[in-house]
Every structure is written in C-alpha cells, then in structure tokens.
Amino acid sequence: MKLDFTLDTHGTCVGQLRDELLPLEELANKWKFPYDIFVVFRVLPESYGRKTSRRFDSRDHTLELDISISYEQYQRMSKHEQREVLGIYLYNYLIESVAKYNKHADEEAQNQLLGLVKKWMLENNWLNGKINLARKLLSQDMKLYEVSQQLKMPLEEIEYILLRMNDYEPTDIHPDNIVVEKAPPYYL
C-alpha cells in the first residue's frame, strides 16, 4: 500500500514533522491494504475558513485526506506540542475515514492497518509522547528540573508546559516556529 504525506505550510514546525513521517511512508509500502491513502496537511490562517475534508476515488482506489490546521494555533505551540496534537488528530481522522469507506476494506484489514499506524505513532512520540508524559509527571508534583532531566527536554519547555496546564494561553509565537520561519521554505 502507499501512504503518502504532503503539505502546504509555512511558519510552523509541520514541515519538519512531515519529514518525521517519511519512515512511516516507507514502512507502509510493505503493508497489504486494499487502497492507498494520501494525506495533505494545510497550515492556513483561520480567516481562510478551509475545513478538513476527505474523498475516496474508486477508480484509483485512493483515500485522500485534506487536513486543515490553524496557523494561529500552531504558531503558539512548540514542535513537541504540534507533533502530539497533529498525531492525535491524524490518527483519529484516519480511524473515522477508514471506517466511513468500509465497503473498500473489511473490518479485519482496517484494524490491521490502524494497529500498525498506532504502533508506529506510539513508538515515535506522535501519540502519548513527551508532552503528555511531562503533564503526567508535573501533575504528580515532580519538580520542573527532574521532569526536564528524565524526559531529556529543555527546562524552558517544561516550564511552558506547566504554564499551559495552569490555563496560560500564549499570545506570542513559540521560539520553535521562529527558527522554522528563518529556514528555507518547503516546496510543494
């Protein structure tokens, strides 16, 4: 099967995160599934009003997932946060989408595909990653420095997670995204 991720983005870490999905694409080439899945991540301003959508092309046996992501929301997130939020959204949307087109893949094939994707995402911090673990440790009153050392994450990011846990809503661009904006653009 072919599982392909493309993007339409700037100013967030989603381009780098898409690159992290390349090993999943390669792994999926060895899987058996009745159709291919193409995913487009679009990081766009909310003013565009673009919604996430999907369609199945019966002639090509492909499921196309067009995932719209809020530029404004992702600008305020660290790369780790973006990975986990995107991972959860992608996995849940994949579950929903595969189930919607169940006449093209039986339940056993669907469960096998979703199990393989979930396994990879868990192993690579796309589901229940470091951000989620940091929240758990901080909620157990573990000290910031200890969490930072245990998870091998910058102390500043652990502080940021703690602030977010206490209803702090950042209005500034996260430093991870400032670095990305200075990098050469991703070409489509």
N, C-alpha and C. Protein backbone atom coordinates (compact mmCIF):
# COMPACT_ATOMS: atom_id res chain seq x y z
N MET A 1 0.84 -1.18 0.00
CA MET A 1 0.00 0.00 0.00
C MET A 1 0.87 1.23 0.00
N LYS A 2 0.31 2.31 -0.44
CA LYS A 2 1.03 3.57 -0.41
C LYS A 2 0.35 4.51 0.59
N LEU A 3 1.14 5.04 1.50
CA LEU A 3 0.69 6.04 2.46
C LEU A 3 1.61 7.23 2.24
N ASP A 4 1.02 8.34 1.84
CA ASP A 4 1.83 9.49 1.43
C ASP A 4 1.37 10.75 2.15
N PHE A 5 2.34 11.52 2.66
CA PHE A 5 2.06 12.77 3.36
C PHE A 5 2.68 13.92 2.59
N THR A 6 1.87 14.94 2.29
CA THR A 6 2.36 16.15 1.65
C THR A 6 1.88 17.33 2.48
N LEU A 7 2.35 18.53 2.12
CA LEU A 7 1.95 19.68 2.93
C LEU A 7 1.89 20.97 2.15
N ASP A 8 1.17 21.88 2.75
CA ASP A 8 1.03 23.25 2.26
C ASP A 8 1.16 24.10 3.53
N THR A 9 2.37 24.58 3.80
CA THR A 9 2.61 25.22 5.09
C THR A 9 3.73 26.24 5.04
N HIS A 10 3.76 27.07 6.04
CA HIS A 10 4.90 27.95 6.34
C HIS A 10 4.77 28.40 7.78
N GLY A 11 5.87 28.75 8.40
CA GLY A 11 5.85 29.38 9.71
C GLY A 11 5.52 28.50 10.90
N THR A 12 5.41 27.18 10.70
CA THR A 12 5.21 26.26 11.81
C THR A 12 6.18 25.09 11.63
N CYS A 13 6.17 24.19 12.57
CA CYS A 13 7.06 23.02 12.51
C CYS A 13 6.45 21.86 11.73
N VAL A 14 5.28 22.05 11.15
CA VAL A 14 4.60 20.95 10.45
C VAL A 14 5.45 20.41 9.29
N GLY A 15 6.21 21.26 8.63
CA GLY A 15 7.09 20.78 7.57
C GLY A 15 8.13 19.80 8.10
N GLN A 16 8.72 20.12 9.24
CA GLN A 16 9.69 19.21 9.86
C GLN A 16 8.99 17.93 10.32
N LEU A 17 7.78 18.09 10.84
CA LEU A 17 7.04 16.91 11.31
C LEU A 17 6.66 16.00 10.15
N ARG A 18 6.35 16.59 9.02
CA ARG A 18 6.06 15.78 7.83
C ARG A 18 7.28 14.94 7.48
N ASP A 19 8.46 15.52 7.61
CA ASP A 19 9.69 14.76 7.34
C ASP A 19 9.84 13.59 8.30
N GLU A 20 9.38 13.76 9.53
CA GLU A 20 9.44 12.67 10.51
C GLU A 20 8.54 11.50 10.11
N LEU A 21 7.56 11.76 9.25
CA LEU A 21 6.64 10.72 8.81
C LEU A 21 7.18 9.89 7.65
N LEU A 22 8.33 10.27 7.09
CA LEU A 22 8.90 9.52 5.97
C LEU A 22 9.14 8.04 6.29
N PRO A 23 9.65 7.70 7.49
CA PRO A 23 9.82 6.27 7.80
C PRO A 23 8.49 5.51 7.83
N LEU A 24 7.41 6.19 8.24
CA LEU A 24 6.09 5.55 8.23
C LEU A 24 5.65 5.29 6.78
N GLU A 25 5.91 6.23 5.89
CA GLU A 25 5.61 6.03 4.47
C GLU A 25 6.34 4.81 3.94
N GLU A 26 7.63 4.71 4.25
CA GLU A 26 8.44 3.58 3.77
C GLU A 26 7.95 2.26 4.33
N LEU A 27 7.60 2.27 5.62
CA LEU A 27 7.10 1.06 6.26
C LEU A 27 5.78 0.61 5.64
N ALA A 28 4.91 1.57 5.33
CA ALA A 28 3.60 1.26 4.76
C ALA A 28 3.70 0.61 3.38
N ASN A 29 4.79 0.86 2.67
CA ASN A 29 4.98 0.23 1.36
C ASN A 29 4.97 -1.29 1.45
N LYS A 30 5.28 -1.84 2.61
CA LYS A 30 5.33 -3.29 2.81
C LYS A 30 3.98 -3.85 3.29
N TRP A 31 3.06 -2.98 3.64
CA TRP A 31 1.77 -3.43 4.18
C TRP A 31 0.80 -3.79 3.07
N LYS A 32 -0.13 -4.65 3.39
CA LYS A 32 -1.21 -5.02 2.48
C LYS A 32 -2.47 -4.29 2.93
N PHE A 33 -3.04 -3.51 2.03
CA PHE A 33 -4.31 -2.82 2.29
C PHE A 33 -4.95 -2.59 0.94
N PRO A 34 -6.29 -2.65 0.85
CA PRO A 34 -6.95 -2.59 -0.46
C PRO A 34 -6.83 -1.27 -1.21
N TYR A 35 -6.43 -0.19 -0.55
CA TYR A 35 -6.29 1.09 -1.24
C TYR A 35 -5.17 1.92 -0.63
N ASP A 36 -4.77 2.94 -1.38
CA ASP A 36 -3.72 3.86 -0.93
C ASP A 36 -4.35 5.03 -0.19
N ILE A 37 -3.56 5.67 0.65
CA ILE A 37 -4.03 6.82 1.42
C ILE A 37 -3.06 7.97 1.23
N PHE A 38 -3.60 9.11 0.80
CA PHE A 38 -2.82 10.32 0.62
C PHE A 38 -3.32 11.38 1.59
N VAL A 39 -2.40 11.96 2.34
CA VAL A 39 -2.74 12.96 3.35
C VAL A 39 -2.04 14.27 3.01
N VAL A 40 -2.80 15.36 3.03
CA VAL A 40 -2.24 16.70 2.84
C VAL A 40 -2.47 17.47 4.14
N PHE A 41 -1.40 18.02 4.71
CA PHE A 41 -1.51 18.90 5.86
C PHE A 41 -1.48 20.33 5.34
N ARG A 42 -2.52 21.10 5.61
CA ARG A 42 -2.58 22.50 5.20
C ARG A 42 -2.61 23.37 6.44
N VAL A 43 -1.54 24.12 6.66
CA VAL A 43 -1.49 25.06 7.78
C VAL A 43 -1.86 26.42 7.20
N LEU A 44 -3.08 26.85 7.50
CA LEU A 44 -3.63 28.06 6.89
C LEU A 44 -4.22 28.99 7.96
N PRO A 45 -4.24 30.28 7.67
CA PRO A 45 -4.90 31.21 8.60
C PRO A 45 -6.38 30.85 8.75
N GLU A 46 -6.90 31.04 9.95
CA GLU A 46 -8.31 30.72 10.21
C GLU A 46 -9.23 31.53 9.30
N SER A 47 -8.80 32.72 8.89
CA SER A 47 -9.63 33.58 8.04
C SER A 47 -9.95 32.92 6.69
N TYR A 48 -9.16 31.93 6.28
CA TYR A 48 -9.43 31.24 5.01
C TYR A 48 -10.70 30.39 5.11
N GLY A 49 -11.02 29.97 6.31
CA GLY A 49 -12.23 29.17 6.50
C GLY A 49 -12.17 27.78 5.90
N ARG A 50 -11.00 27.29 5.62
CA ARG A 50 -10.85 25.97 5.00
C ARG A 50 -11.11 24.88 6.03
N LYS A 51 -11.88 23.90 5.65
CA LYS A 51 -12.23 22.79 6.54
C LYS A 51 -11.51 21.52 6.11
N THR A 52 -11.30 20.65 7.06
CA THR A 52 -10.75 19.33 6.78
C THR A 52 -11.76 18.55 5.96
N SER A 53 -11.26 17.80 4.98
CA SER A 53 -12.17 17.04 4.13
C SER A 53 -11.52 15.72 3.71
N ARG A 54 -12.34 14.85 3.15
CA ARG A 54 -11.85 13.56 2.65
C ARG A 54 -12.69 13.16 1.45
N ARG A 55 -12.09 12.34 0.60
CA ARG A 55 -12.83 11.78 -0.52
C ARG A 55 -12.16 10.48 -0.93
N PHE A 56 -12.98 9.60 -1.45
CA PHE A 56 -12.48 8.32 -1.93
C PHE A 56 -12.63 8.27 -3.43
N ASP A 57 -11.55 7.94 -4.11
CA ASP A 57 -11.58 7.82 -5.57
C ASP A 57 -11.61 6.32 -5.90
N SER A 58 -12.78 5.85 -6.32
CA SER A 58 -12.96 4.42 -6.60
C SER A 58 -12.15 3.95 -7.80
N ARG A 59 -11.94 4.82 -8.76
CA ARG A 59 -11.17 4.42 -9.95
C ARG A 59 -9.71 4.15 -9.60
N ASP A 60 -9.13 5.01 -8.79
CA ASP A 60 -7.71 4.85 -8.41
C ASP A 60 -7.52 4.07 -7.11
N HIS A 61 -8.61 3.75 -6.44
CA HIS A 61 -8.56 3.09 -5.12
C HIS A 61 -7.68 3.88 -4.17
N THR A 62 -8.01 5.15 -4.00
CA THR A 62 -7.26 6.02 -3.09
C THR A 62 -8.21 6.79 -2.18
N LEU A 63 -7.78 6.93 -0.95
CA LEU A 63 -8.47 7.77 0.02
C LEU A 63 -7.62 9.01 0.18
N GLU A 64 -8.22 10.17 -0.03
CA GLU A 64 -7.50 11.44 0.08
C GLU A 64 -8.00 12.19 1.30
N LEU A 65 -7.10 12.48 2.22
CA LEU A 65 -7.42 13.22 3.44
C LEU A 65 -6.76 14.59 3.36
N ASP A 66 -7.55 15.63 3.41
CA ASP A 66 -7.05 17.01 3.34
C ASP A 66 -7.28 17.63 4.71
N ILE A 67 -6.22 17.70 5.50
CA ILE A 67 -6.32 18.13 6.90
C ILE A 67 -5.92 19.59 7.03
N SER A 68 -6.89 20.41 7.46
CA SER A 68 -6.64 21.84 7.68
C SER A 68 -6.25 22.08 9.13
N ILE A 69 -5.20 22.85 9.29
CA ILE A 69 -4.63 23.14 10.60
C ILE A 69 -4.59 24.65 10.78
N SER A 70 -4.94 25.11 11.96
CA SER A 70 -4.95 26.55 12.25
C SER A 70 -3.53 27.09 12.39
N TYR A 71 -3.17 27.97 11.48
CA TYR A 71 -1.86 28.62 11.53
C TYR A 71 -1.68 29.36 12.86
N GLU A 72 -2.70 30.09 13.28
CA GLU A 72 -2.60 30.89 14.51
C GLU A 72 -2.39 29.99 15.73
N GLN A 73 -3.10 28.87 15.78
CA GLN A 73 -2.97 27.96 16.91
C GLN A 73 -1.58 27.31 16.94
N TYR A 74 -1.13 26.84 15.80
CA TYR A 74 0.16 26.14 15.75
C TYR A 74 1.35 27.08 15.95
N GLN A 75 1.18 28.35 15.64
CA GLN A 75 2.25 29.33 15.87
C GLN A 75 2.60 29.42 17.35
N ARG A 76 1.63 29.18 18.21
CA ARG A 76 1.83 29.31 19.66
C ARG A 76 2.29 28.02 20.31
N MET A 77 2.45 26.95 19.53
CA MET A 77 2.84 25.64 20.07
C MET A 77 4.30 25.33 19.79
N SER A 78 4.89 24.58 20.70
CA SER A 78 6.24 24.06 20.46
C SER A 78 6.16 22.94 19.43
N LYS A 79 7.30 22.54 18.94
CA LYS A 79 7.35 21.44 17.97
C LYS A 79 6.79 20.16 18.58
N HIS A 80 7.14 19.89 19.85
CA HIS A 80 6.62 18.70 20.52
C HIS A 80 5.10 18.74 20.63
N GLU A 81 4.56 19.91 20.98
CA GLU A 81 3.10 20.05 21.07
C GLU A 81 2.46 19.84 19.71
N GLN A 82 3.04 20.43 18.68
CA GLN A 82 2.49 20.28 17.34
C GLN A 82 2.48 18.80 16.94
N ARG A 83 3.54 18.08 17.25
CA ARG A 83 3.63 16.66 16.90
C ARG A 83 2.49 15.89 17.56
N GLU A 84 2.29 16.11 18.85
CA GLU A 84 1.27 15.34 19.55
C GLU A 84 -0.14 15.74 19.14
N VAL A 85 -0.40 17.02 18.99
CA VAL A 85 -1.74 17.46 18.57
C VAL A 85 -2.03 16.95 17.16
N LEU A 86 -1.06 17.08 16.28
CA LEU A 86 -1.24 16.61 14.91
C LEU A 86 -1.38 15.09 14.87
N GLY A 87 -0.58 14.39 15.67
CA GLY A 87 -0.66 12.94 15.73
C GLY A 87 -2.01 12.43 16.18
N ILE A 88 -2.54 13.03 17.24
CA ILE A 88 -3.85 12.62 17.75
C ILE A 88 -4.93 12.90 16.70
N TYR A 89 -4.87 14.09 16.10
CA TYR A 89 -5.87 14.45 15.10
C TYR A 89 -5.78 13.52 13.88
N LEU A 90 -4.57 13.30 13.39
CA LEU A 90 -4.36 12.45 12.23
C LEU A 90 -4.87 11.03 12.50
N TYR A 91 -4.49 10.47 13.63
CA TYR A 91 -4.89 9.09 13.93
C TYR A 91 -6.41 8.97 14.05
N ASN A 92 -7.03 9.89 14.77
CA ASN A 92 -8.49 9.84 14.94
C ASN A 92 -9.21 10.05 13.61
N TYR A 93 -8.70 10.94 12.78
CA TYR A 93 -9.32 11.19 11.48
C TYR A 93 -9.13 9.99 10.55
N LEU A 94 -8.00 9.33 10.68
CA LEU A 94 -7.74 8.12 9.90
C LEU A 94 -8.73 7.02 10.31
N ILE A 95 -8.95 6.84 11.60
CA ILE A 95 -9.92 5.84 12.09
C ILE A 95 -11.30 6.13 11.48
N GLU A 96 -11.73 7.38 11.63
CA GLU A 96 -13.04 7.80 11.13
C GLU A 96 -13.15 7.61 9.61
N SER A 97 -12.12 7.97 8.89
CA SER A 97 -12.15 7.92 7.42
C SER A 97 -12.13 6.50 6.89
N VAL A 98 -11.30 5.66 7.46
CA VAL A 98 -11.23 4.26 7.02
C VAL A 98 -12.56 3.57 7.30
N ALA A 99 -13.17 3.87 8.45
CA ALA A 99 -14.45 3.28 8.80
C ALA A 99 -15.56 3.74 7.85
N LYS A 100 -15.48 4.98 7.41
CA LYS A 100 -16.50 5.52 6.51
C LYS A 100 -16.53 4.79 5.17
N TYR A 101 -15.39 4.34 4.70
CA TYR A 101 -15.29 3.66 3.41
C TYR A 101 -15.10 2.15 3.61
N ASN A 102 -15.92 1.58 4.49
CA ASN A 102 -15.76 0.17 4.87
C ASN A 102 -16.09 -0.82 3.75
N LYS A 103 -16.76 -0.39 2.70
CA LYS A 103 -17.02 -1.33 1.60
C LYS A 103 -15.75 -1.59 0.78
N HIS A 104 -14.73 -0.78 0.98
CA HIS A 104 -13.47 -0.96 0.25
C HIS A 104 -12.43 -1.73 1.05
N ALA A 105 -12.64 -1.84 2.36
CA ALA A 105 -11.72 -2.60 3.22
C ALA A 105 -12.53 -3.18 4.37
N ASP A 106 -12.43 -4.49 4.56
CA ASP A 106 -13.21 -5.11 5.64
C ASP A 106 -12.64 -4.72 7.01
N GLU A 107 -13.38 -5.07 8.04
CA GLU A 107 -13.01 -4.66 9.40
C GLU A 107 -11.64 -5.21 9.82
N GLU A 108 -11.34 -6.41 9.40
CA GLU A 108 -10.04 -7.01 9.75
C GLU A 108 -8.89 -6.21 9.12
N ALA A 109 -9.03 -5.85 7.85
CA ALA A 109 -7.99 -5.06 7.17
C ALA A 109 -7.86 -3.68 7.81
N GLN A 110 -9.00 -3.08 8.16
CA GLN A 110 -8.98 -1.77 8.82
C GLN A 110 -8.24 -1.84 10.15
N ASN A 111 -8.60 -2.83 10.96
CA ASN A 111 -7.98 -2.96 12.28
C ASN A 111 -6.47 -3.23 12.18
N GLN A 112 -6.10 -4.02 11.19
CA GLN A 112 -4.67 -4.30 10.99
C GLN A 112 -3.91 -3.03 10.62
N LEU A 113 -4.45 -2.27 9.67
CA LEU A 113 -3.82 -1.01 9.27
C LEU A 113 -3.72 -0.05 10.45
N LEU A 114 -4.82 0.16 11.13
CA LEU A 114 -4.84 1.11 12.25
C LEU A 114 -3.91 0.66 13.38
N GLY A 115 -3.81 -0.64 13.60
CA GLY A 115 -2.89 -1.16 14.61
C GLY A 115 -1.44 -0.88 14.27
N LEU A 116 -1.09 -1.04 12.99
CA LEU A 116 0.29 -0.78 12.55
C LEU A 116 0.62 0.72 12.64
N VAL A 117 -0.33 1.55 12.23
CA VAL A 117 -0.12 3.01 12.30
C VAL A 117 0.02 3.44 13.75
N LYS A 118 -0.87 2.94 14.60
CA LYS A 118 -0.83 3.32 16.03
C LYS A 118 0.49 2.88 16.67
N LYS A 119 0.92 1.68 16.36
CA LYS A 119 2.18 1.18 16.91
C LYS A 119 3.33 2.12 16.54
N TRP A 120 3.41 2.49 15.28
CA TRP A 120 4.48 3.38 14.83
C TRP A 120 4.36 4.74 15.53
N MET A 121 3.16 5.27 15.61
CA MET A 121 2.96 6.59 16.21
C MET A 121 3.32 6.60 17.70
N LEU A 122 3.00 5.53 18.40
CA LEU A 122 3.37 5.44 19.82
C LEU A 122 4.88 5.35 19.98
N GLU A 123 5.52 4.54 19.15
CA GLU A 123 6.98 4.37 19.23
C GLU A 123 7.74 5.65 18.89
N ASN A 124 7.11 6.55 18.13
CA ASN A 124 7.79 7.75 17.66
C ASN A 124 7.24 9.05 18.24
N ASN A 125 6.59 8.94 19.40
CA ASN A 125 6.08 10.09 20.16
C ASN A 125 5.04 10.92 19.43
N TRP A 126 4.26 10.30 18.56
CA TRP A 126 3.17 11.01 17.89
C TRP A 126 1.87 10.84 18.66
N LEU A 127 1.79 9.83 19.47
CA LEU A 127 0.67 9.63 20.39
C LEU A 127 1.27 9.38 21.77
N ASN A 128 0.71 10.00 22.77
CA ASN A 128 1.20 9.85 24.14
C ASN A 128 2.71 10.05 24.23
N GLY A 129 3.18 11.13 23.66
CA GLY A 129 4.61 11.44 23.63
C GLY A 129 5.09 12.17 24.87
N LYS A 130 6.17 12.89 24.69
CA LYS A 130 6.82 13.56 25.80
C LYS A 130 5.96 14.64 26.46
N ILE A 131 5.18 15.35 25.68
CA ILE A 131 4.32 16.40 26.24
C ILE A 131 3.31 15.78 27.20
N ASN A 132 2.67 14.72 26.76
CA ASN A 132 1.69 14.04 27.60
C ASN A 132 2.35 13.49 28.86
N LEU A 133 3.51 12.89 28.71
CA LEU A 133 4.23 12.35 29.86
C LEU A 133 4.67 13.46 30.81
N ALA A 134 5.12 14.58 30.27
CA ALA A 134 5.51 15.72 31.11
C ALA A 134 4.32 16.21 31.92
N ARG A 135 3.16 16.29 31.29
CA ARG A 135 1.95 16.72 32.02
C ARG A 135 1.65 15.78 33.18
N LYS A 136 1.76 14.47 32.92
CA LYS A 136 1.50 13.49 33.98
C LYS A 136 2.48 13.66 35.14
N LEU A 137 3.76 13.80 34.81
CA LEU A 137 4.77 13.95 35.86
C LEU A 137 4.58 15.24 36.64
N LEU A 138 4.28 16.33 35.95
CA LEU A 138 4.06 17.61 36.62
C LEU A 138 2.80 17.57 37.49
N SER A 139 1.79 16.85 37.06
CA SER A 139 0.57 16.75 37.87
C SER A 139 0.79 15.90 39.12
N GLN A 140 1.87 15.12 39.12
CA GLN A 140 2.24 14.34 40.30
C GLN A 140 3.22 15.10 41.19
N ASP A 141 3.33 16.40 40.93
CA ASP A 141 4.17 17.32 41.71
C ASP A 141 5.67 17.03 41.59
N MET A 142 6.08 16.44 40.48
CA MET A 142 7.51 16.29 40.24
C MET A 142 8.07 17.66 39.89
N LYS A 143 9.26 17.94 40.33
CA LYS A 143 9.90 19.24 40.10
C LYS A 143 10.24 19.42 38.62
N LEU A 144 10.23 20.68 38.18
CA LEU A 144 10.50 21.01 36.78
C LEU A 144 11.82 20.44 36.29
N TYR A 145 12.88 20.65 37.07
CA TYR A 145 14.20 20.19 36.66
C TYR A 145 14.24 18.67 36.52
N GLU A 146 13.59 17.95 37.46
CA GLU A 146 13.56 16.49 37.40
C GLU A 146 12.84 16.00 36.15
N VAL A 147 11.72 16.64 35.81
CA VAL A 147 10.98 16.28 34.60
C VAL A 147 11.85 16.53 33.38
N SER A 148 12.52 17.67 33.38
CA SER A 148 13.39 18.03 32.26
C SER A 148 14.50 16.98 32.07
N GLN A 149 15.10 16.56 33.15
CA GLN A 149 16.18 15.57 33.07
C GLN A 149 15.65 14.20 32.66
N GLN A 150 14.54 13.79 33.25
CA GLN A 150 14.00 12.47 32.96
C GLN A 150 13.58 12.34 31.50
N LEU A 151 12.97 13.40 30.95
CA LEU A 151 12.46 13.33 29.58
C LEU A 151 13.46 13.86 28.55
N LYS A 152 14.59 14.36 29.05
CA LYS A 152 15.61 14.94 28.16
C LYS A 152 15.01 16.05 27.28
N MET A 153 14.29 16.94 27.97
CA MET A 153 13.68 18.09 27.30
C MET A 153 14.21 19.37 27.94
N PRO A 154 14.28 20.46 27.19
CA PRO A 154 14.75 21.72 27.76
C PRO A 154 13.87 22.16 28.93
N LEU A 155 14.50 22.70 29.95
CA LEU A 155 13.78 23.19 31.12
C LEU A 155 12.74 24.24 30.73
N GLU A 156 13.08 25.09 29.75
CA GLU A 156 12.14 26.12 29.30
C GLU A 156 10.85 25.50 28.77
N GLU A 157 10.97 24.39 28.08
CA GLU A 157 9.77 23.74 27.54
C GLU A 157 8.93 23.14 28.65
N ILE A 158 9.57 22.59 29.67
CA ILE A 158 8.83 22.03 30.81
C ILE A 158 8.10 23.16 31.54
N GLU A 159 8.76 24.30 31.70
CA GLU A 159 8.11 25.45 32.32
C GLU A 159 6.90 25.88 31.49
N TYR A 160 7.06 25.90 30.21
CA TYR A 160 5.99 26.27 29.29
C TYR A 160 4.80 25.32 29.41
N ILE A 161 5.08 24.02 29.52
CA ILE A 161 4.02 23.02 29.68
C ILE A 161 3.26 23.26 30.98
N LEU A 162 4.01 23.56 32.05
CA LEU A 162 3.38 23.83 33.34
C LEU A 162 2.48 25.07 33.26
N LEU A 163 2.95 26.10 32.58
CA LEU A 163 2.13 27.30 32.41
C LEU A 163 0.85 26.97 31.64
N ARG A 164 0.97 26.19 30.59
CA ARG A 164 -0.20 25.80 29.79
C ARG A 164 -1.17 24.97 30.62
N MET A 165 -0.64 24.14 31.51
CA MET A 165 -1.50 23.34 32.38
C MET A 165 -2.30 24.22 33.34
N ASN A 166 -1.78 25.38 33.64
CA ASN A 166 -2.43 26.31 34.56
C ASN A 166 -3.16 27.42 33.81
N ASP A 167 -3.69 27.07 32.63
CA ASP A 167 -4.55 27.94 31.83
C ASP A 167 -3.87 29.18 31.25
N TYR A 168 -2.56 29.15 31.14
CA TYR A 168 -1.87 30.24 30.46
C TYR A 168 -2.03 30.01 28.96
N GLU A 169 -2.58 30.98 28.28
CA GLU A 169 -2.77 30.89 26.82
C GLU A 169 -1.79 31.84 26.17
N PRO A 170 -0.72 31.33 25.57
CA PRO A 170 0.29 32.21 24.98
C PRO A 170 -0.26 32.99 23.79
N THR A 171 0.23 34.18 23.64
CA THR A 171 -0.18 35.00 22.50
C THR A 171 0.98 35.21 21.54
N ASP A 172 2.18 34.88 21.98
CA ASP A 172 3.36 35.06 21.15
C ASP A 172 3.66 33.81 20.33
N ILE A 173 4.46 34.00 19.31
CA ILE A 173 4.92 32.89 18.50
C ILE A 173 5.93 32.09 19.33
N HIS A 174 5.76 30.78 19.36
CA HIS A 174 6.70 29.93 20.10
C HIS A 174 8.06 29.99 19.40
N PRO A 175 9.15 30.00 20.18
CA PRO A 175 10.50 30.07 19.58
C PRO A 175 10.80 28.99 18.54
N ASP A 176 10.21 27.79 18.68
CA ASP A 176 10.44 26.74 17.68
C ASP A 176 9.99 27.20 16.29
N ASN A 177 8.91 27.98 16.25
CA ASN A 177 8.38 28.45 14.97
C ASN A 177 9.17 29.63 14.41
N ILE A 178 9.79 30.39 15.28
CA ILE A 178 10.65 31.49 14.81
C ILE A 178 11.84 30.93 14.07
N VAL A 179 12.42 29.86 14.59
CA VAL A 179 13.56 29.20 13.94
C VAL A 179 13.13 28.66 12.58
N VAL A 180 11.95 28.05 12.51
CA VAL A 180 11.45 27.48 11.26
C VAL A 180 11.26 28.58 10.21
N GLU A 181 10.73 29.73 10.62
CA GLU A 181 10.49 30.81 9.66
C GLU A 181 11.78 31.32 9.03
N LYS A 182 12.89 31.14 9.73
CA LYS A 182 14.18 31.59 9.19
C LYS A 182 14.80 30.55 8.25
N ALA A 183 14.23 29.35 8.25
CA ALA A 183 14.75 28.28 7.40
C ALA A 183 14.20 28.45 5.99
N PRO A 184 14.85 27.83 5.02
CA PRO A 184 14.32 27.88 3.63
C PRO A 184 12.92 27.27 3.60
N PRO A 185 12.05 27.74 2.73
CA PRO A 185 10.68 27.23 2.68
C PRO A 185 10.61 25.80 2.15
N TYR A 186 9.53 25.12 2.52
CA TYR A 186 9.26 23.80 1.98
C TYR A 186 8.54 23.98 0.67
N TYR A 187 9.00 23.31 -0.35
CA TYR A 187 8.38 23.42 -1.66
C TYR A 187 7.38 22.30 -1.85
N LEU A 188 6.31 22.61 -2.52
CA LEU A 188 5.27 21.59 -2.78
C LEU A 188 5.64 20.75 -3.97
